[in-house]
Amino acid sequence: MQKDTLLIYSGGLDSTTLLWEYAARIALAVNFSYGSNHNEREAECARWQCRKAGIELIEIPLGFMSRYFKSALLDGPDAIPDGEYDGDNMASTVVPFRNGIMLSIAAGLAESRGLSHVMMANHSGDHEVYPDCRPEFVDAISAAISAGTYAGITLLAPYTDLTKAEIALRGLRLGVDYDHTYSCYRGTPEPCGRCATCRERAAALAAARKAIGLH
């Protein structure tokens, strides 16, 4: 299979599963550092996974976002609420148009590298809280990327309609090492276990392990 794809890669569970599921076609992974609490710990995992997969990783700083954008994700560990994902307690963690900004940069980089596709790891659990993960956004930004590049770069978002548990199940079947991924929104050395992303990750992995008879 031709290596024709750029992956936007955080180092979290979802994008790491994508990295390994589509490793045969991924020519380049890109990690964006935008000043979130968990950026550096995710980046460490991204480096580890890309070394193991033999995939080139580029790290691009987007420091302006932490300076000018407003989000609990950019305001330190104490700004992150405890509890499950819902519109009330997690809307504060939205980084405005984050995926739109990253996808725009990724599209230009993909065209510069002679690649045909950009890939992202949004999933169905993101939709309610995060507008730039929803199917209508994916369709719109995909059309914009294709129209705005000479090569007609296309956006691939194969997990859009999957749950996080379904993604984790794919990863476990692939043998993905989730010990070298990071998801906690507080960015603490050990994941806090209380924030919504920690809870969602734990529930997804538990459901996936149960589905294949692991405990």
N, C-alpha and C. Protein backbone atom coordinates (compact mmCIF):
# COMPACT_ATOMS: atom_id res chain seq x y z
N MET A 1 0.84 -1.20 0.00
CA MET A 1 0.00 0.00 0.00
C MET A 1 0.87 1.25 0.00
N GLN A 2 0.48 2.23 -0.80
CA GLN A 2 1.24 3.47 -0.89
C GLN A 2 1.13 4.29 0.38
N LYS A 3 2.26 4.84 0.83
CA LYS A 3 2.24 5.72 2.00
C LYS A 3 1.89 7.13 1.51
N ASP A 4 0.62 7.48 1.63
CA ASP A 4 0.12 8.71 1.03
C ASP A 4 -0.64 9.61 1.99
N THR A 5 -0.50 9.32 3.30
CA THR A 5 -1.36 9.96 4.29
C THR A 5 -0.57 10.62 5.41
N LEU A 6 -1.04 11.79 5.85
CA LEU A 6 -0.53 12.49 7.03
C LEU A 6 -1.54 12.30 8.15
N LEU A 7 -1.07 11.87 9.30
CA LEU A 7 -1.93 11.68 10.47
C LEU A 7 -1.72 12.80 11.47
N ILE A 8 -2.80 13.46 11.87
CA ILE A 8 -2.75 14.36 13.03
C ILE A 8 -2.74 13.47 14.26
N TYR A 9 -1.63 13.52 15.01
CA TYR A 9 -1.38 12.51 16.03
C TYR A 9 -1.09 13.13 17.39
N SER A 10 -1.96 12.89 18.34
CA SER A 10 -1.79 13.47 19.67
C SER A 10 -0.94 12.59 20.58
N GLY A 11 -1.05 11.27 20.42
CA GLY A 11 -0.43 10.35 21.37
C GLY A 11 -1.43 9.78 22.35
N GLY A 12 -2.72 10.11 22.15
CA GLY A 12 -3.79 9.55 22.97
C GLY A 12 -4.27 8.22 22.42
N LEU A 13 -5.28 7.66 23.06
CA LEU A 13 -5.79 6.34 22.71
C LEU A 13 -6.30 6.28 21.27
N ASP A 14 -7.12 7.23 20.88
CA ASP A 14 -7.79 7.17 19.58
C ASP A 14 -6.79 7.30 18.43
N SER A 15 -5.96 8.33 18.48
CA SER A 15 -5.04 8.55 17.37
C SER A 15 -3.93 7.50 17.34
N THR A 16 -3.60 6.90 18.49
CA THR A 16 -2.61 5.82 18.49
C THR A 16 -3.19 4.58 17.83
N THR A 17 -4.46 4.30 18.09
CA THR A 17 -5.11 3.19 17.40
C THR A 17 -5.11 3.42 15.89
N LEU A 18 -5.41 4.65 15.50
CA LEU A 18 -5.41 5.00 14.08
C LEU A 18 -4.01 4.83 13.48
N LEU A 19 -3.00 5.26 14.23
CA LEU A 19 -1.61 5.12 13.78
C LEU A 19 -1.30 3.68 13.41
N TRP A 20 -1.69 2.75 14.28
CA TRP A 20 -1.34 1.35 14.05
C TRP A 20 -2.28 0.68 13.06
N GLU A 21 -3.54 1.06 13.05
CA GLU A 21 -4.46 0.44 12.10
C GLU A 21 -4.11 0.81 10.66
N TYR A 22 -3.63 2.04 10.48
CA TYR A 22 -3.34 2.52 9.13
C TYR A 22 -1.85 2.77 8.90
N ALA A 23 -1.00 2.10 9.66
CA ALA A 23 0.44 2.33 9.58
C ALA A 23 0.99 2.11 8.18
N ALA A 24 0.37 1.21 7.43
CA ALA A 24 0.89 0.89 6.10
C ALA A 24 0.74 2.04 5.12
N ARG A 25 -0.16 2.98 5.44
CA ARG A 25 -0.35 4.10 4.51
C ARG A 25 0.06 5.44 5.08
N ILE A 26 0.47 5.50 6.35
CA ILE A 26 0.84 6.76 6.98
C ILE A 26 2.31 7.07 6.71
N ALA A 27 2.54 8.16 5.99
CA ALA A 27 3.90 8.59 5.67
C ALA A 27 4.45 9.54 6.71
N LEU A 28 3.56 10.25 7.40
CA LEU A 28 3.99 11.30 8.32
C LEU A 28 2.95 11.49 9.41
N ALA A 29 3.40 11.58 10.66
CA ALA A 29 2.53 11.93 11.78
C ALA A 29 2.91 13.32 12.27
N VAL A 30 1.91 14.11 12.66
CA VAL A 30 2.16 15.48 13.11
C VAL A 30 1.52 15.68 14.47
N ASN A 31 2.33 16.09 15.43
CA ASN A 31 1.86 16.40 16.77
C ASN A 31 1.89 17.91 16.96
N PHE A 32 0.78 18.49 17.36
CA PHE A 32 0.69 19.93 17.57
C PHE A 32 0.76 20.24 19.07
N SER A 33 1.64 21.16 19.43
CA SER A 33 1.76 21.60 20.81
C SER A 33 1.11 22.98 20.93
N TYR A 34 -0.04 23.02 21.58
CA TYR A 34 -0.80 24.27 21.65
C TYR A 34 -0.97 24.77 23.08
N GLY A 35 -0.20 24.20 23.99
CA GLY A 35 -0.20 24.70 25.35
C GLY A 35 -1.20 24.06 26.28
N SER A 36 -1.76 22.92 25.90
CA SER A 36 -2.72 22.26 26.80
C SER A 36 -1.98 21.60 27.96
N ASN A 37 -2.75 21.32 29.01
CA ASN A 37 -2.17 20.71 30.20
C ASN A 37 -1.44 19.41 29.89
N HIS A 38 -1.96 18.66 28.94
CA HIS A 38 -1.45 17.31 28.70
C HIS A 38 -0.58 17.20 27.45
N ASN A 39 -0.28 18.31 26.80
CA ASN A 39 0.48 18.26 25.55
C ASN A 39 1.78 17.49 25.66
N GLU A 40 2.60 17.82 26.63
CA GLU A 40 3.94 17.23 26.68
C GLU A 40 3.89 15.74 26.98
N ARG A 41 2.99 15.31 27.84
CA ARG A 41 2.91 13.88 28.14
C ARG A 41 2.37 13.10 26.94
N GLU A 42 1.42 13.69 26.23
CA GLU A 42 0.97 13.05 24.99
C GLU A 42 2.10 13.00 23.96
N ALA A 43 2.85 14.09 23.85
CA ALA A 43 3.94 14.13 22.87
C ALA A 43 4.99 13.05 23.15
N GLU A 44 5.29 12.82 24.43
CA GLU A 44 6.23 11.76 24.78
C GLU A 44 5.74 10.41 24.27
N CYS A 45 4.44 10.18 24.41
CA CYS A 45 3.86 8.92 23.92
C CYS A 45 3.89 8.87 22.40
N ALA A 46 3.62 10.00 21.76
CA ALA A 46 3.65 10.04 20.30
C ALA A 46 5.04 9.69 19.78
N ARG A 47 6.06 10.22 20.43
CA ARG A 47 7.44 9.91 20.01
C ARG A 47 7.73 8.42 20.16
N TRP A 48 7.31 7.85 21.27
CA TRP A 48 7.55 6.43 21.53
C TRP A 48 6.86 5.57 20.48
N GLN A 49 5.59 5.85 20.23
CA GLN A 49 4.82 5.04 19.28
C GLN A 49 5.36 5.17 17.86
N CYS A 50 5.74 6.38 17.46
CA CYS A 50 6.25 6.57 16.10
C CYS A 50 7.60 5.90 15.90
N ARG A 51 8.44 5.95 16.94
CA ARG A 51 9.71 5.22 16.85
C ARG A 51 9.45 3.73 16.65
N LYS A 52 8.51 3.20 17.41
CA LYS A 52 8.19 1.78 17.32
C LYS A 52 7.61 1.42 15.95
N ALA A 53 6.78 2.31 15.40
CA ALA A 53 6.13 2.05 14.12
C ALA A 53 7.01 2.39 12.93
N GLY A 54 8.11 3.11 13.17
CA GLY A 54 8.97 3.53 12.07
C GLY A 54 8.34 4.59 11.20
N ILE A 55 7.54 5.46 11.82
CA ILE A 55 6.85 6.54 11.10
C ILE A 55 7.44 7.88 11.53
N GLU A 56 7.74 8.71 10.56
CA GLU A 56 8.29 10.04 10.85
C GLU A 56 7.28 10.87 11.64
N LEU A 57 7.77 11.58 12.65
CA LEU A 57 6.93 12.46 13.46
C LEU A 57 7.49 13.88 13.40
N ILE A 58 6.61 14.82 13.12
CA ILE A 58 6.95 16.24 13.17
C ILE A 58 6.16 16.86 14.32
N GLU A 59 6.80 17.72 15.11
CA GLU A 59 6.12 18.43 16.18
C GLU A 59 6.06 19.91 15.83
N ILE A 60 4.85 20.44 15.80
CA ILE A 60 4.63 21.83 15.38
C ILE A 60 4.07 22.63 16.55
N PRO A 61 4.76 23.69 16.98
CA PRO A 61 4.27 24.52 18.10
C PRO A 61 3.19 25.49 17.64
N LEU A 62 2.14 25.57 18.43
CA LEU A 62 1.05 26.53 18.19
C LEU A 62 0.84 27.34 19.47
N GLY A 63 1.92 27.94 19.95
CA GLY A 63 1.88 28.63 21.23
C GLY A 63 0.90 29.78 21.30
N PHE A 64 0.55 30.35 20.16
CA PHE A 64 -0.39 31.47 20.17
C PHE A 64 -1.74 31.07 20.74
N MET A 65 -2.08 29.78 20.62
CA MET A 65 -3.41 29.36 21.10
C MET A 65 -3.51 29.49 22.62
N SER A 66 -2.46 29.10 23.33
CA SER A 66 -2.51 29.20 24.79
C SER A 66 -2.46 30.65 25.26
N ARG A 67 -1.91 31.53 24.43
CA ARG A 67 -1.84 32.95 24.81
C ARG A 67 -3.15 33.69 24.56
N TYR A 68 -3.84 33.32 23.50
CA TYR A 68 -4.98 34.13 23.08
C TYR A 68 -6.33 33.43 23.17
N PHE A 69 -6.33 32.12 23.30
CA PHE A 69 -7.60 31.39 23.33
C PHE A 69 -8.00 31.10 24.77
N LYS A 70 -9.27 30.94 25.00
CA LYS A 70 -9.79 30.66 26.34
C LYS A 70 -10.34 29.24 26.40
N SER A 71 -9.79 28.44 27.33
CA SER A 71 -10.26 27.08 27.54
C SER A 71 -9.67 26.57 28.84
N ALA A 72 -10.45 25.78 29.58
CA ALA A 72 -9.91 25.16 30.79
C ALA A 72 -8.72 24.26 30.47
N LEU A 73 -8.69 23.73 29.27
CA LEU A 73 -7.60 22.85 28.87
C LEU A 73 -6.27 23.59 28.78
N LEU A 74 -6.35 24.91 28.72
CA LEU A 74 -5.14 25.74 28.61
C LEU A 74 -4.81 26.47 29.91
N ASP A 75 -5.64 26.28 30.94
CA ASP A 75 -5.54 27.09 32.15
C ASP A 75 -4.99 26.36 33.36
N GLY A 76 -4.37 25.20 33.16
CA GLY A 76 -3.78 24.47 34.28
C GLY A 76 -4.68 23.38 34.81
N PRO A 77 -4.12 22.43 35.56
CA PRO A 77 -4.86 21.27 36.04
C PRO A 77 -6.09 21.60 36.88
N ASP A 78 -6.01 22.65 37.69
CA ASP A 78 -7.12 22.97 38.59
C ASP A 78 -8.35 23.47 37.86
N ALA A 79 -8.20 23.85 36.60
CA ALA A 79 -9.34 24.35 35.83
C ALA A 79 -10.20 23.23 35.25
N ILE A 80 -9.71 21.99 35.28
CA ILE A 80 -10.42 20.87 34.68
C ILE A 80 -11.45 20.32 35.66
N PRO A 81 -12.72 20.24 35.26
CA PRO A 81 -13.74 19.71 36.15
C PRO A 81 -13.66 18.19 36.28
N ASP A 82 -14.14 17.68 37.41
CA ASP A 82 -14.32 16.24 37.59
C ASP A 82 -15.63 15.82 36.94
N GLY A 83 -15.79 14.51 36.75
CA GLY A 83 -17.08 13.99 36.32
C GLY A 83 -17.12 13.55 34.88
N GLU A 84 -18.29 13.02 34.49
CA GLU A 84 -18.48 12.48 33.15
C GLU A 84 -18.61 13.61 32.14
N TYR A 85 -18.47 13.23 30.85
CA TYR A 85 -18.70 14.19 29.78
C TYR A 85 -20.17 14.58 29.76
N ASP A 86 -20.45 15.85 29.76
CA ASP A 86 -21.78 16.37 29.44
C ASP A 86 -21.62 17.83 29.05
N GLY A 87 -22.68 18.40 28.54
CA GLY A 87 -22.59 19.75 28.01
C GLY A 87 -22.22 20.79 29.06
N ASP A 88 -22.62 20.55 30.31
CA ASP A 88 -22.40 21.56 31.34
C ASP A 88 -20.97 21.56 31.87
N ASN A 89 -20.44 20.36 32.19
CA ASN A 89 -19.14 20.36 32.87
C ASN A 89 -17.95 20.24 31.93
N MET A 90 -18.19 19.93 30.65
CA MET A 90 -17.06 19.76 29.75
C MET A 90 -16.95 20.83 28.67
N ALA A 91 -17.99 21.66 28.52
CA ALA A 91 -17.91 22.73 27.51
C ALA A 91 -16.71 23.64 27.78
N SER A 92 -16.32 23.74 29.04
CA SER A 92 -15.19 24.61 29.39
C SER A 92 -13.88 24.10 28.82
N THR A 93 -13.82 22.81 28.44
CA THR A 93 -12.56 22.25 27.93
C THR A 93 -12.43 22.40 26.42
N VAL A 94 -13.43 22.93 25.76
CA VAL A 94 -13.35 23.14 24.32
C VAL A 94 -12.28 24.20 24.01
N VAL A 95 -11.37 23.88 23.11
CA VAL A 95 -10.41 24.85 22.59
C VAL A 95 -10.96 25.32 21.25
N PRO A 96 -11.41 26.58 21.16
CA PRO A 96 -12.16 27.02 19.99
C PRO A 96 -11.46 26.72 18.66
N PHE A 97 -12.16 26.00 17.80
CA PHE A 97 -11.74 25.68 16.43
C PHE A 97 -10.38 25.01 16.36
N ARG A 98 -10.01 24.29 17.40
CA ARG A 98 -8.71 23.62 17.44
C ARG A 98 -8.50 22.71 16.22
N ASN A 99 -9.47 21.85 15.95
CA ASN A 99 -9.29 20.92 14.83
C ASN A 99 -9.24 21.64 13.49
N GLY A 100 -10.01 22.72 13.36
CA GLY A 100 -9.97 23.48 12.12
C GLY A 100 -8.59 24.06 11.86
N ILE A 101 -7.97 24.58 12.91
CA ILE A 101 -6.62 25.16 12.78
C ILE A 101 -5.61 24.07 12.44
N MET A 102 -5.67 22.96 13.15
CA MET A 102 -4.72 21.88 12.91
C MET A 102 -4.89 21.27 11.53
N LEU A 103 -6.13 21.09 11.12
CA LEU A 103 -6.38 20.50 9.80
C LEU A 103 -5.91 21.42 8.68
N SER A 104 -6.05 22.72 8.86
CA SER A 104 -5.57 23.66 7.84
C SER A 104 -4.06 23.54 7.66
N ILE A 105 -3.34 23.49 8.78
CA ILE A 105 -1.88 23.35 8.72
C ILE A 105 -1.52 21.99 8.13
N ALA A 106 -2.21 20.96 8.56
CA ALA A 106 -1.92 19.61 8.07
C ALA A 106 -2.15 19.50 6.57
N ALA A 107 -3.18 20.17 6.06
CA ALA A 107 -3.46 20.11 4.62
C ALA A 107 -2.33 20.75 3.82
N GLY A 108 -1.84 21.90 4.30
CA GLY A 108 -0.72 22.54 3.61
C GLY A 108 0.54 21.71 3.67
N LEU A 109 0.78 21.08 4.82
CA LEU A 109 1.96 20.24 4.96
C LEU A 109 1.85 18.99 4.08
N ALA A 110 0.66 18.40 4.04
CA ALA A 110 0.46 17.22 3.20
C ALA A 110 0.73 17.55 1.73
N GLU A 111 0.21 18.69 1.27
CA GLU A 111 0.44 19.05 -0.13
C GLU A 111 1.92 19.33 -0.37
N SER A 112 2.58 19.96 0.59
CA SER A 112 4.00 20.23 0.45
C SER A 112 4.82 18.95 0.37
N ARG A 113 4.36 17.90 1.02
CA ARG A 113 5.06 16.62 1.02
C ARG A 113 4.62 15.70 -0.12
N GLY A 114 3.69 16.15 -0.93
CA GLY A 114 3.20 15.30 -2.01
C GLY A 114 2.29 14.18 -1.56
N LEU A 115 1.62 14.37 -0.42
CA LEU A 115 0.70 13.36 0.11
C LEU A 115 -0.72 13.67 -0.35
N SER A 116 -1.57 12.67 -0.32
CA SER A 116 -2.93 12.80 -0.86
C SER A 116 -4.00 12.99 0.19
N HIS A 117 -3.72 12.59 1.43
CA HIS A 117 -4.76 12.56 2.45
C HIS A 117 -4.25 13.09 3.79
N VAL A 118 -5.18 13.65 4.55
CA VAL A 118 -4.97 14.00 5.96
C VAL A 118 -5.95 13.15 6.76
N MET A 119 -5.49 12.62 7.88
CA MET A 119 -6.32 11.73 8.69
C MET A 119 -6.43 12.26 10.11
N MET A 120 -7.64 12.15 10.69
CA MET A 120 -7.87 12.58 12.07
C MET A 120 -8.66 11.52 12.82
N ALA A 121 -8.57 11.54 14.16
CA ALA A 121 -9.13 10.46 14.97
C ALA A 121 -10.30 10.90 15.83
N ASN A 122 -11.17 11.77 15.30
CA ASN A 122 -12.39 12.09 16.03
C ASN A 122 -13.27 10.85 16.13
N HIS A 123 -14.19 10.82 17.09
CA HIS A 123 -15.10 9.67 17.23
C HIS A 123 -16.46 10.13 17.72
N SER A 124 -17.41 9.20 17.77
CA SER A 124 -18.80 9.58 18.03
C SER A 124 -19.00 10.18 19.41
N GLY A 125 -18.16 9.80 20.39
CA GLY A 125 -18.30 10.35 21.73
C GLY A 125 -17.96 11.82 21.82
N ASP A 126 -17.25 12.34 20.82
CA ASP A 126 -16.87 13.76 20.82
C ASP A 126 -18.01 14.69 20.40
N HIS A 127 -19.01 14.18 19.72
CA HIS A 127 -19.89 15.02 18.93
C HIS A 127 -20.67 16.05 19.73
N GLU A 128 -21.20 15.64 20.88
CA GLU A 128 -22.09 16.54 21.61
C GLU A 128 -21.34 17.77 22.13
N VAL A 129 -20.15 17.54 22.66
CA VAL A 129 -19.44 18.62 23.34
C VAL A 129 -18.53 19.42 22.39
N TYR A 130 -17.94 18.74 21.44
CA TYR A 130 -16.91 19.37 20.60
C TYR A 130 -17.41 19.57 19.17
N PRO A 131 -17.75 20.79 18.80
CA PRO A 131 -18.32 21.03 17.46
C PRO A 131 -17.39 20.70 16.32
N ASP A 132 -16.08 20.81 16.53
CA ASP A 132 -15.15 20.53 15.42
C ASP A 132 -14.73 19.07 15.36
N CYS A 133 -15.59 18.20 15.92
CA CYS A 133 -15.43 16.76 15.76
C CYS A 133 -16.68 16.14 15.11
N ARG A 134 -17.71 16.91 14.93
CA ARG A 134 -18.99 16.39 14.46
C ARG A 134 -18.95 16.07 12.96
N PRO A 135 -19.82 15.15 12.52
CA PRO A 135 -19.84 14.77 11.11
C PRO A 135 -20.03 15.95 10.16
N GLU A 136 -20.89 16.91 10.54
CA GLU A 136 -21.12 18.04 9.65
C GLU A 136 -19.88 18.91 9.51
N PHE A 137 -19.10 19.02 10.59
CA PHE A 137 -17.82 19.74 10.49
C PHE A 137 -16.84 18.97 9.62
N VAL A 138 -16.76 17.66 9.83
CA VAL A 138 -15.84 16.84 9.04
C VAL A 138 -16.15 16.98 7.56
N ASP A 139 -17.43 16.93 7.21
CA ASP A 139 -17.83 17.05 5.80
C ASP A 139 -17.45 18.42 5.25
N ALA A 140 -17.71 19.47 6.03
CA ALA A 140 -17.45 20.83 5.56
C ALA A 140 -15.96 21.11 5.41
N ILE A 141 -15.16 20.72 6.40
CA ILE A 141 -13.72 21.00 6.34
C ILE A 141 -13.06 20.13 5.28
N SER A 142 -13.59 18.92 5.06
CA SER A 142 -13.07 18.06 4.00
C SER A 142 -13.26 18.71 2.65
N ALA A 143 -14.45 19.27 2.43
CA ALA A 143 -14.71 19.95 1.16
C ALA A 143 -13.81 21.17 1.00
N ALA A 144 -13.59 21.91 2.08
CA ALA A 144 -12.74 23.10 2.02
C ALA A 144 -11.29 22.72 1.72
N ILE A 145 -10.80 21.66 2.36
CA ILE A 145 -9.42 21.22 2.12
C ILE A 145 -9.24 20.79 0.67
N SER A 146 -10.20 20.04 0.17
CA SER A 146 -10.10 19.57 -1.21
C SER A 146 -10.16 20.73 -2.20
N ALA A 147 -11.06 21.69 -1.93
CA ALA A 147 -11.20 22.83 -2.84
C ALA A 147 -10.02 23.78 -2.74
N GLY A 148 -9.37 23.81 -1.59
CA GLY A 148 -8.32 24.80 -1.35
C GLY A 148 -6.92 24.32 -1.60
N THR A 149 -6.74 23.11 -2.12
CA THR A 149 -5.42 22.58 -2.44
C THR A 149 -5.38 22.18 -3.91
N TYR A 150 -4.26 22.47 -4.57
CA TYR A 150 -4.12 22.11 -5.98
C TYR A 150 -4.25 20.60 -6.17
N ALA A 151 -3.74 19.85 -5.20
CA ALA A 151 -3.75 18.39 -5.31
C ALA A 151 -5.10 17.78 -4.93
N GLY A 152 -6.01 18.61 -4.40
CA GLY A 152 -7.30 18.08 -3.96
C GLY A 152 -7.15 17.12 -2.79
N ILE A 153 -6.39 17.57 -1.78
CA ILE A 153 -6.18 16.74 -0.58
C ILE A 153 -7.53 16.35 0.02
N THR A 154 -7.65 15.12 0.44
CA THR A 154 -8.90 14.67 1.06
C THR A 154 -8.68 14.35 2.53
N LEU A 155 -9.74 14.53 3.30
CA LEU A 155 -9.71 14.26 4.73
C LEU A 155 -10.30 12.89 5.00
N LEU A 156 -9.58 12.09 5.77
CA LEU A 156 -10.06 10.77 6.18
C LEU A 156 -10.33 10.81 7.68
N ALA A 157 -11.54 10.42 8.06
CA ALA A 157 -11.92 10.40 9.48
C ALA A 157 -12.67 9.11 9.76
N PRO A 158 -11.96 7.98 9.73
CA PRO A 158 -12.62 6.67 9.75
C PRO A 158 -13.29 6.30 11.06
N TYR A 159 -13.01 7.04 12.14
CA TYR A 159 -13.62 6.71 13.43
C TYR A 159 -14.81 7.61 13.77
N THR A 160 -15.25 8.43 12.85
CA THR A 160 -16.30 9.41 13.14
C THR A 160 -17.54 8.79 13.78
N ASP A 161 -17.93 7.61 13.35
CA ASP A 161 -19.16 6.98 13.84
C ASP A 161 -18.90 5.86 14.84
N LEU A 162 -17.66 5.72 15.29
CA LEU A 162 -17.33 4.69 16.27
C LEU A 162 -17.32 5.26 17.68
N THR A 163 -17.63 4.40 18.66
CA THR A 163 -17.47 4.79 20.06
C THR A 163 -16.01 4.58 20.47
N LYS A 164 -15.64 5.16 21.59
CA LYS A 164 -14.26 4.97 22.07
C LYS A 164 -14.02 3.51 22.42
N ALA A 165 -15.04 2.82 22.93
CA ALA A 165 -14.89 1.40 23.24
C ALA A 165 -14.64 0.59 21.97
N GLU A 166 -15.31 0.94 20.89
CA GLU A 166 -15.09 0.24 19.62
C GLU A 166 -13.68 0.50 19.09
N ILE A 167 -13.19 1.72 19.28
CA ILE A 167 -11.83 2.04 18.88
C ILE A 167 -10.83 1.23 19.72
N ALA A 168 -11.04 1.21 21.03
CA ALA A 168 -10.15 0.45 21.92
C ALA A 168 -10.16 -1.03 21.57
N LEU A 169 -11.31 -1.56 21.18
CA LEU A 169 -11.41 -2.96 20.80
C LEU A 169 -10.56 -3.22 19.55
N ARG A 170 -10.61 -2.33 18.58
CA ARG A 170 -9.76 -2.46 17.41
C ARG A 170 -8.28 -2.48 17.81
N GLY A 171 -7.94 -1.56 18.71
CA GLY A 171 -6.55 -1.47 19.13
C GLY A 171 -6.06 -2.71 19.86
N LEU A 172 -6.89 -3.24 20.76
CA LEU A 172 -6.48 -4.45 21.48
C LEU A 172 -6.30 -5.61 20.52
N ARG A 173 -7.15 -5.70 19.52
CA ARG A 173 -7.01 -6.77 18.54
C ARG A 173 -5.75 -6.60 17.69
N LEU A 174 -5.32 -5.35 17.52
CA LEU A 174 -4.09 -5.06 16.79
C LEU A 174 -2.84 -5.22 17.66
N GLY A 175 -3.04 -5.34 18.97
CA GLY A 175 -1.91 -5.43 19.90
C GLY A 175 -1.30 -4.08 20.25
N VAL A 176 -2.09 -3.00 20.17
CA VAL A 176 -1.58 -1.67 20.50
C VAL A 176 -1.19 -1.61 21.97
N ASP A 177 -0.04 -1.02 22.25
CA ASP A 177 0.45 -0.85 23.62
C ASP A 177 -0.13 0.44 24.18
N TYR A 178 -1.24 0.33 24.88
CA TYR A 178 -1.90 1.52 25.42
C TYR A 178 -1.20 2.07 26.66
N ASP A 179 -0.23 1.31 27.20
CA ASP A 179 0.54 1.84 28.32
C ASP A 179 1.37 3.04 27.89
N HIS A 180 1.64 3.14 26.59
CA HIS A 180 2.38 4.28 26.06
C HIS A 180 1.44 5.21 25.29
N THR A 181 0.31 5.50 25.91
CA THR A 181 -0.61 6.55 25.46
C THR A 181 -1.02 7.35 26.69
N TYR A 182 -1.54 8.53 26.47
CA TYR A 182 -1.89 9.40 27.59
C TYR A 182 -3.16 10.17 27.24
N SER A 183 -4.06 10.31 28.23
CA SER A 183 -5.34 10.95 27.94
C SER A 183 -5.80 11.97 28.98
N CYS A 184 -5.20 12.02 30.16
CA CYS A 184 -5.72 12.85 31.25
C CYS A 184 -5.65 14.34 30.91
N TYR A 185 -6.78 15.04 31.04
CA TYR A 185 -6.83 16.46 30.73
C TYR A 185 -6.10 17.32 31.75
N ARG A 186 -5.79 16.76 32.91
CA ARG A 186 -5.04 17.54 33.89
C ARG A 186 -3.53 17.52 33.60
N GLY A 187 -3.08 16.54 32.88
CA GLY A 187 -1.66 16.48 32.51
C GLY A 187 -0.75 16.11 33.66
N THR A 188 -1.27 15.51 34.70
CA THR A 188 -0.46 15.14 35.86
C THR A 188 0.40 13.91 35.54
N PRO A 189 1.52 13.71 36.28
CA PRO A 189 2.40 12.58 35.98
C PRO A 189 1.66 11.24 35.92
N GLU A 190 0.79 11.01 36.86
CA GLU A 190 -0.12 9.87 36.81
C GLU A 190 -1.51 10.39 36.51
N PRO A 191 -2.21 9.80 35.54
CA PRO A 191 -3.56 10.27 35.21
C PRO A 191 -4.44 10.37 36.46
N CYS A 192 -5.22 11.44 36.53
CA CYS A 192 -5.98 11.72 37.76
C CYS A 192 -7.08 10.71 38.02
N GLY A 193 -7.65 10.12 36.96
CA GLY A 193 -8.72 9.15 37.12
C GLY A 193 -10.07 9.76 37.39
N ARG A 194 -10.15 11.09 37.52
CA ARG A 194 -11.40 11.75 37.89
C ARG A 194 -12.00 12.60 36.78
N CYS A 195 -11.15 13.14 35.90
CA CYS A 195 -11.68 13.98 34.84
C CYS A 195 -12.43 13.13 33.81
N ALA A 196 -13.21 13.77 32.97
CA ALA A 196 -14.05 13.04 32.04
C ALA A 196 -13.26 12.18 31.07
N THR A 197 -12.12 12.69 30.62
CA THR A 197 -11.36 11.90 29.64
C THR A 197 -10.72 10.68 30.28
N CYS A 198 -10.30 10.79 31.54
CA CYS A 198 -9.80 9.61 32.26
C CYS A 198 -10.92 8.58 32.42
N ARG A 199 -12.10 9.04 32.81
CA ARG A 199 -13.22 8.12 33.01
C ARG A 199 -13.63 7.46 31.71
N GLU A 200 -13.68 8.25 30.64
CA GLU A 200 -14.08 7.71 29.35
C GLU A 200 -13.07 6.66 28.87
N ARG A 201 -11.80 6.96 29.03
CA ARG A 201 -10.75 6.01 28.62
C ARG A 201 -10.86 4.70 29.40
N ALA A 202 -11.01 4.80 30.72
CA ALA A 202 -11.10 3.60 31.55
C ALA A 202 -12.30 2.75 31.17
N ALA A 203 -13.44 3.41 30.94
CA ALA A 203 -14.65 2.68 30.57
C ALA A 203 -14.50 2.02 29.20
N ALA A 204 -13.87 2.72 28.26
CA ALA A 204 -13.68 2.17 26.91
C ALA A 204 -12.78 0.94 26.94
N LEU A 205 -11.68 1.04 27.67
CA LEU A 205 -10.75 -0.08 27.73
C LEU A 205 -11.38 -1.28 28.47
N ALA A 206 -12.15 -0.99 29.52
CA ALA A 206 -12.81 -2.07 30.25
C ALA A 206 -13.82 -2.79 29.36
N ALA A 207 -14.59 -2.03 28.59
CA ALA A 207 -15.58 -2.64 27.70
C ALA A 207 -14.90 -3.44 26.60
N ALA A 208 -13.80 -2.91 26.06
CA ALA A 208 -13.08 -3.60 24.98
C ALA A 208 -12.46 -4.89 25.50
N ARG A 209 -11.88 -4.84 26.69
CA ARG A 209 -11.25 -6.04 27.25
C ARG A 209 -12.32 -7.11 27.53
N LYS A 210 -13.46 -6.68 28.03
CA LYS A 210 -14.54 -7.60 28.29
C LYS A 210 -15.01 -8.26 26.99
N ALA A 211 -15.07 -7.50 25.92
CA ALA A 211 -15.55 -8.01 24.64
C ALA A 211 -14.66 -9.11 24.09
N ILE A 212 -13.38 -9.09 24.43
CA ILE A 212 -12.48 -10.13 23.92
C ILE A 212 -12.02 -11.08 25.02
N GLY A 213 -12.70 -11.01 26.17
CA GLY A 213 -12.45 -11.97 27.24
C GLY A 213 -11.24 -11.70 28.08
N LEU A 214 -10.77 -10.41 28.09
CA LEU A 214 -9.66 -10.06 28.96
C LEU A 214 -10.20 -9.40 30.22
N HIS A 215 -9.42 -9.39 31.29
CA HIS A 215 -9.86 -8.77 32.54
C HIS A 215 -8.78 -7.83 33.08
